[in-house]
Amino acid sequence: MDSLNSYLVIAAVLFALGIYGVITRKNAVAILMGIELILNSANINFIAFNRFGGMETLDGHVFSIFVIVLAAAEAAVALAIVINLFKNIGSVNVDDADLLKG
């Protein structure tokens, strides 16, 4: 059962769930969780293609660690924006964010 197809199916399901979460949610924290699911599906693909691609180096692992670091930085900045949004508006609903325009 350890094949490339099984990893790709799991990554595709995670990606689809992440896209669904980003598109359908209005809560900023739920949207961030959807983005994290998308990034985790990319990590699974990197590791799977590195393992089954016959590569001798750990390129997939290096890219995966880079994506994890990028996701941590993105989460920190995005949560700071969400906290500021809540402080100014009193809600984390992204539809209310247009009130910050003027």
N, C-alpha and C. Protein backbone atom coordinates (compact mmCIF):
# COMPACT_ATOMS: atom_id res chain seq x y z
N MET A 1 0.83 -1.20 0.00
CA MET A 1 0.00 0.00 0.00
C MET A 1 0.86 1.25 0.00
N ASP A 2 2.15 1.10 0.14
CA ASP A 2 3.07 2.23 0.15
C ASP A 2 3.45 2.57 -1.29
N SER A 3 2.63 3.40 -1.93
CA SER A 3 2.90 3.77 -3.30
C SER A 3 2.71 5.27 -3.47
N LEU A 4 3.19 5.77 -4.59
CA LEU A 4 3.08 7.20 -4.87
C LEU A 4 1.62 7.61 -5.01
N ASN A 5 0.80 6.74 -5.58
CA ASN A 5 -0.61 7.09 -5.78
C ASN A 5 -1.34 7.34 -4.47
N SER A 6 -1.04 6.55 -3.44
CA SER A 6 -1.72 6.76 -2.16
C SER A 6 -1.35 8.11 -1.55
N TYR A 7 -0.09 8.50 -1.68
CA TYR A 7 0.31 9.81 -1.15
C TYR A 7 -0.31 10.94 -1.96
N LEU A 8 -0.40 10.77 -3.27
CA LEU A 8 -0.99 11.81 -4.10
C LEU A 8 -2.49 11.96 -3.84
N VAL A 9 -3.17 10.85 -3.57
CA VAL A 9 -4.60 10.93 -3.25
C VAL A 9 -4.81 11.66 -1.92
N ILE A 10 -3.99 11.35 -0.93
CA ILE A 10 -4.11 12.03 0.37
C ILE A 10 -3.83 13.52 0.20
N ALA A 11 -2.80 13.86 -0.57
CA ALA A 11 -2.47 15.27 -0.79
C ALA A 11 -3.59 15.98 -1.56
N ALA A 12 -4.20 15.30 -2.52
CA ALA A 12 -5.29 15.90 -3.28
C ALA A 12 -6.51 16.15 -2.40
N VAL A 13 -6.80 15.21 -1.50
CA VAL A 13 -7.93 15.39 -0.58
C VAL A 13 -7.67 16.57 0.35
N LEU A 14 -6.44 16.65 0.89
CA LEU A 14 -6.10 17.77 1.76
C LEU A 14 -6.19 19.10 1.01
N PHE A 15 -5.70 19.11 -0.23
CA PHE A 15 -5.76 20.33 -1.03
C PHE A 15 -7.21 20.74 -1.30
N ALA A 16 -8.05 19.78 -1.63
CA ALA A 16 -9.47 20.08 -1.89
C ALA A 16 -10.16 20.61 -0.63
N LEU A 17 -9.86 20.00 0.51
CA LEU A 17 -10.44 20.50 1.77
C LEU A 17 -9.95 21.90 2.09
N GLY A 18 -8.68 22.18 1.81
CA GLY A 18 -8.14 23.51 2.05
C GLY A 18 -8.77 24.55 1.15
N ILE A 19 -8.93 24.22 -0.14
CA ILE A 19 -9.59 25.15 -1.06
C ILE A 19 -11.04 25.39 -0.64
N TYR A 20 -11.73 24.32 -0.25
CA TYR A 20 -13.11 24.46 0.22
C TYR A 20 -13.18 25.37 1.44
N GLY A 21 -12.23 25.20 2.37
CA GLY A 21 -12.20 26.04 3.57
C GLY A 21 -11.92 27.50 3.26
N VAL A 22 -11.04 27.76 2.30
CA VAL A 22 -10.72 29.14 1.95
C VAL A 22 -11.89 29.81 1.25
N ILE A 23 -12.56 29.08 0.37
CA ILE A 23 -13.63 29.68 -0.43
C ILE A 23 -14.91 29.89 0.38
N THR A 24 -15.25 28.95 1.24
CA THR A 24 -16.57 29.00 1.88
C THR A 24 -16.59 29.69 3.24
N ARG A 25 -15.49 29.89 3.87
CA ARG A 25 -15.49 30.44 5.23
C ARG A 25 -15.43 31.96 5.20
N LYS A 26 -16.05 32.57 6.20
CA LYS A 26 -15.98 34.02 6.36
C LYS A 26 -15.14 34.41 7.56
N ASN A 27 -14.84 33.45 8.41
CA ASN A 27 -14.00 33.69 9.58
C ASN A 27 -12.54 33.66 9.14
N ALA A 28 -11.78 34.67 9.52
CA ALA A 28 -10.39 34.78 9.08
C ALA A 28 -9.53 33.64 9.62
N VAL A 29 -9.80 33.17 10.81
CA VAL A 29 -9.02 32.07 11.38
C VAL A 29 -9.28 30.78 10.61
N ALA A 30 -10.52 30.54 10.21
CA ALA A 30 -10.84 29.35 9.42
C ALA A 30 -10.19 29.42 8.04
N ILE A 31 -10.10 30.61 7.46
CA ILE A 31 -9.42 30.76 6.18
C ILE A 31 -7.93 30.44 6.33
N LEU A 32 -7.33 30.88 7.42
CA LEU A 32 -5.92 30.56 7.68
C LEU A 32 -5.71 29.05 7.84
N MET A 33 -6.66 28.39 8.46
CA MET A 33 -6.56 26.93 8.60
C MET A 33 -6.64 26.25 7.24
N GLY A 34 -7.47 26.77 6.34
CA GLY A 34 -7.54 26.24 4.99
C GLY A 34 -6.23 26.43 4.23
N ILE A 35 -5.60 27.57 4.40
CA ILE A 35 -4.30 27.82 3.77
C ILE A 35 -3.25 26.86 4.30
N GLU A 36 -3.29 26.58 5.59
CA GLU A 36 -2.35 25.61 6.17
C GLU A 36 -2.56 24.22 5.59
N LEU A 37 -3.80 23.83 5.35
CA LEU A 37 -4.07 22.54 4.73
C LEU A 37 -3.50 22.48 3.31
N ILE A 38 -3.61 23.57 2.57
CA ILE A 38 -3.05 23.61 1.23
C ILE A 38 -1.53 23.47 1.28
N LEU A 39 -0.89 24.15 2.20
CA LEU A 39 0.57 24.06 2.32
C LEU A 39 1.01 22.66 2.77
N ASN A 40 0.23 22.03 3.64
CA ASN A 40 0.56 20.67 4.06
C ASN A 40 0.40 19.67 2.92
N SER A 41 -0.56 19.89 2.04
CA SER A 41 -0.69 19.00 0.88
C SER A 41 0.52 19.15 -0.04
N ALA A 42 1.03 20.36 -0.18
CA ALA A 42 2.24 20.57 -0.97
C ALA A 42 3.43 19.86 -0.32
N ASN A 43 3.52 19.89 1.00
CA ASN A 43 4.60 19.19 1.70
C ASN A 43 4.53 17.68 1.46
N ILE A 44 3.34 17.12 1.48
CA ILE A 44 3.20 15.69 1.22
C ILE A 44 3.67 15.36 -0.19
N ASN A 45 3.33 16.22 -1.15
CA ASN A 45 3.79 16.00 -2.52
C ASN A 45 5.31 16.07 -2.62
N PHE A 46 5.92 17.06 -1.98
CA PHE A 46 7.38 17.17 -2.01
C PHE A 46 8.05 15.93 -1.48
N ILE A 47 7.58 15.45 -0.33
CA ILE A 47 8.20 14.28 0.30
C ILE A 47 7.94 13.02 -0.54
N ALA A 48 6.72 12.88 -1.07
CA ALA A 48 6.39 11.68 -1.85
C ALA A 48 7.20 11.63 -3.15
N PHE A 49 7.31 12.74 -3.85
CA PHE A 49 8.09 12.74 -5.09
C PHE A 49 9.57 12.55 -4.82
N ASN A 50 10.03 13.03 -3.67
CA ASN A 50 11.43 12.79 -3.32
C ASN A 50 11.67 11.32 -3.02
N ARG A 51 10.73 10.68 -2.34
CA ARG A 51 10.90 9.27 -1.97
C ARG A 51 10.78 8.34 -3.16
N PHE A 52 9.78 8.57 -4.01
CA PHE A 52 9.51 7.66 -5.11
C PHE A 52 10.14 8.10 -6.43
N GLY A 53 10.79 9.25 -6.45
CA GLY A 53 11.40 9.74 -7.66
C GLY A 53 12.80 9.22 -7.91
N GLY A 54 13.32 8.44 -7.00
CA GLY A 54 14.65 7.89 -7.16
C GLY A 54 15.77 8.88 -6.89
N MET A 55 15.45 9.93 -6.15
CA MET A 55 16.46 10.93 -5.85
C MET A 55 17.35 10.47 -4.71
N GLU A 56 18.62 10.73 -4.84
CA GLU A 56 19.57 10.39 -3.78
C GLU A 56 19.65 11.49 -2.73
N THR A 57 19.37 12.72 -3.13
CA THR A 57 19.45 13.84 -2.19
C THR A 57 18.12 14.04 -1.49
N LEU A 58 18.13 14.93 -0.54
CA LEU A 58 16.93 15.21 0.25
C LEU A 58 16.29 16.53 -0.18
N ASP A 59 16.18 16.75 -1.49
CA ASP A 59 15.63 18.01 -1.98
C ASP A 59 14.19 18.22 -1.55
N GLY A 60 13.39 17.18 -1.59
CA GLY A 60 11.99 17.31 -1.18
C GLY A 60 11.85 17.67 0.28
N HIS A 61 12.73 17.12 1.10
CA HIS A 61 12.70 17.43 2.53
C HIS A 61 13.10 18.88 2.78
N VAL A 62 14.09 19.36 2.04
CA VAL A 62 14.53 20.74 2.20
C VAL A 62 13.42 21.70 1.79
N PHE A 63 12.76 21.43 0.66
CA PHE A 63 11.64 22.27 0.25
C PHE A 63 10.51 22.21 1.26
N SER A 64 10.27 21.04 1.82
CA SER A 64 9.21 20.89 2.81
C SER A 64 9.51 21.70 4.07
N ILE A 65 10.74 21.68 4.53
CA ILE A 65 11.12 22.48 5.70
C ILE A 65 10.99 23.97 5.38
N PHE A 66 11.35 24.36 4.16
CA PHE A 66 11.19 25.76 3.76
C PHE A 66 9.72 26.16 3.77
N VAL A 67 8.84 25.30 3.31
CA VAL A 67 7.40 25.60 3.31
C VAL A 67 6.88 25.69 4.74
N ILE A 68 7.37 24.85 5.64
CA ILE A 68 6.95 24.90 7.04
C ILE A 68 7.37 26.22 7.68
N VAL A 69 8.60 26.67 7.39
CA VAL A 69 9.07 27.95 7.92
C VAL A 69 8.24 29.10 7.34
N LEU A 70 7.96 29.02 6.05
CA LEU A 70 7.12 30.04 5.41
C LEU A 70 5.72 30.06 6.00
N ALA A 71 5.17 28.89 6.29
CA ALA A 71 3.83 28.81 6.88
C ALA A 71 3.82 29.39 8.29
N ALA A 72 4.88 29.18 9.04
CA ALA A 72 4.95 29.74 10.39
C ALA A 72 5.01 31.27 10.34
N ALA A 73 5.79 31.80 9.41
CA ALA A 73 5.86 33.26 9.27
C ALA A 73 4.54 33.82 8.79
N GLU A 74 3.90 33.12 7.86
CA GLU A 74 2.60 33.56 7.35
C GLU A 74 1.55 33.54 8.45
N ALA A 75 1.58 32.53 9.28
CA ALA A 75 0.61 32.44 10.38
C ALA A 75 0.82 33.56 11.39
N ALA A 76 2.07 33.89 11.68
CA ALA A 76 2.34 34.96 12.64
C ALA A 76 1.85 36.31 12.12
N VAL A 77 2.15 36.61 10.86
CA VAL A 77 1.73 37.89 10.28
C VAL A 77 0.21 37.93 10.13
N ALA A 78 -0.38 36.84 9.65
CA ALA A 78 -1.82 36.81 9.44
C ALA A 78 -2.59 36.91 10.77
N LEU A 79 -2.09 36.25 11.80
CA LEU A 79 -2.76 36.35 13.10
C LEU A 79 -2.63 37.75 13.68
N ALA A 80 -1.52 38.42 13.42
CA ALA A 80 -1.40 39.82 13.86
C ALA A 80 -2.41 40.70 13.13
N ILE A 81 -2.62 40.44 11.85
CA ILE A 81 -3.63 41.19 11.09
C ILE A 81 -5.03 40.89 11.62
N VAL A 82 -5.30 39.63 11.94
CA VAL A 82 -6.62 39.25 12.47
C VAL A 82 -6.87 39.91 13.82
N ILE A 83 -5.85 39.95 14.67
CA ILE A 83 -5.99 40.60 15.98
C ILE A 83 -6.25 42.09 15.81
N ASN A 84 -5.54 42.70 14.88
CA ASN A 84 -5.77 44.13 14.61
C ASN A 84 -7.16 44.37 14.05
N LEU A 85 -7.62 43.48 13.18
CA LEU A 85 -8.98 43.57 12.64
C LEU A 85 -10.01 43.46 13.74
N PHE A 86 -9.80 42.53 14.67
CA PHE A 86 -10.75 42.37 15.77
C PHE A 86 -10.73 43.59 16.70
N LYS A 87 -9.54 44.15 16.90
CA LYS A 87 -9.41 45.32 17.77
C LYS A 87 -10.13 46.53 17.17
N ASN A 88 -10.06 46.69 15.85
CA ASN A 88 -10.67 47.86 15.22
C ASN A 88 -12.16 47.69 14.93
N ILE A 89 -12.58 46.47 14.57
CA ILE A 89 -13.96 46.25 14.15
C ILE A 89 -14.78 45.51 15.21
N GLY A 90 -14.13 44.61 15.93
CA GLY A 90 -14.85 43.81 16.91
C GLY A 90 -15.32 42.48 16.34
N SER A 91 -14.82 42.12 15.16
CA SER A 91 -15.20 40.88 14.51
C SER A 91 -14.03 40.38 13.67
N VAL A 92 -13.98 39.07 13.47
CA VAL A 92 -12.95 38.50 12.58
C VAL A 92 -13.58 38.05 11.27
N ASN A 93 -14.76 38.55 10.97
CA ASN A 93 -15.44 38.26 9.72
C ASN A 93 -14.76 39.05 8.60
N VAL A 94 -14.32 38.34 7.54
CA VAL A 94 -13.58 39.01 6.48
C VAL A 94 -14.48 39.92 5.64
N ASP A 95 -15.78 39.71 5.68
CA ASP A 95 -16.68 40.60 4.95
C ASP A 95 -16.73 41.99 5.60
N ASP A 96 -16.44 42.07 6.87
CA ASP A 96 -16.43 43.36 7.57
C ASP A 96 -15.12 44.12 7.35
N ALA A 97 -14.16 43.52 6.70
CA ALA A 97 -12.86 44.16 6.53
C ALA A 97 -12.92 45.33 5.56
N ASP A 98 -13.96 45.44 4.75
CA ASP A 98 -14.06 46.58 3.85
C ASP A 98 -14.34 47.88 4.59
N LEU A 99 -14.67 47.79 5.87
CA LEU A 99 -14.88 48.99 6.66
C LEU A 99 -13.58 49.73 6.94
N LEU A 100 -12.44 49.09 6.72
CA LEU A 100 -11.15 49.72 6.98
C LEU A 100 -10.69 50.59 5.83
N LYS A 101 -11.43 50.64 4.73
CA LYS A 101 -11.00 51.38 3.55
C LYS A 101 -10.90 52.88 3.80
N GLY A 102 -11.87 53.47 4.41
CA GLY A 102 -11.85 54.91 4.49
C GLY A 102 -12.16 55.37 5.82
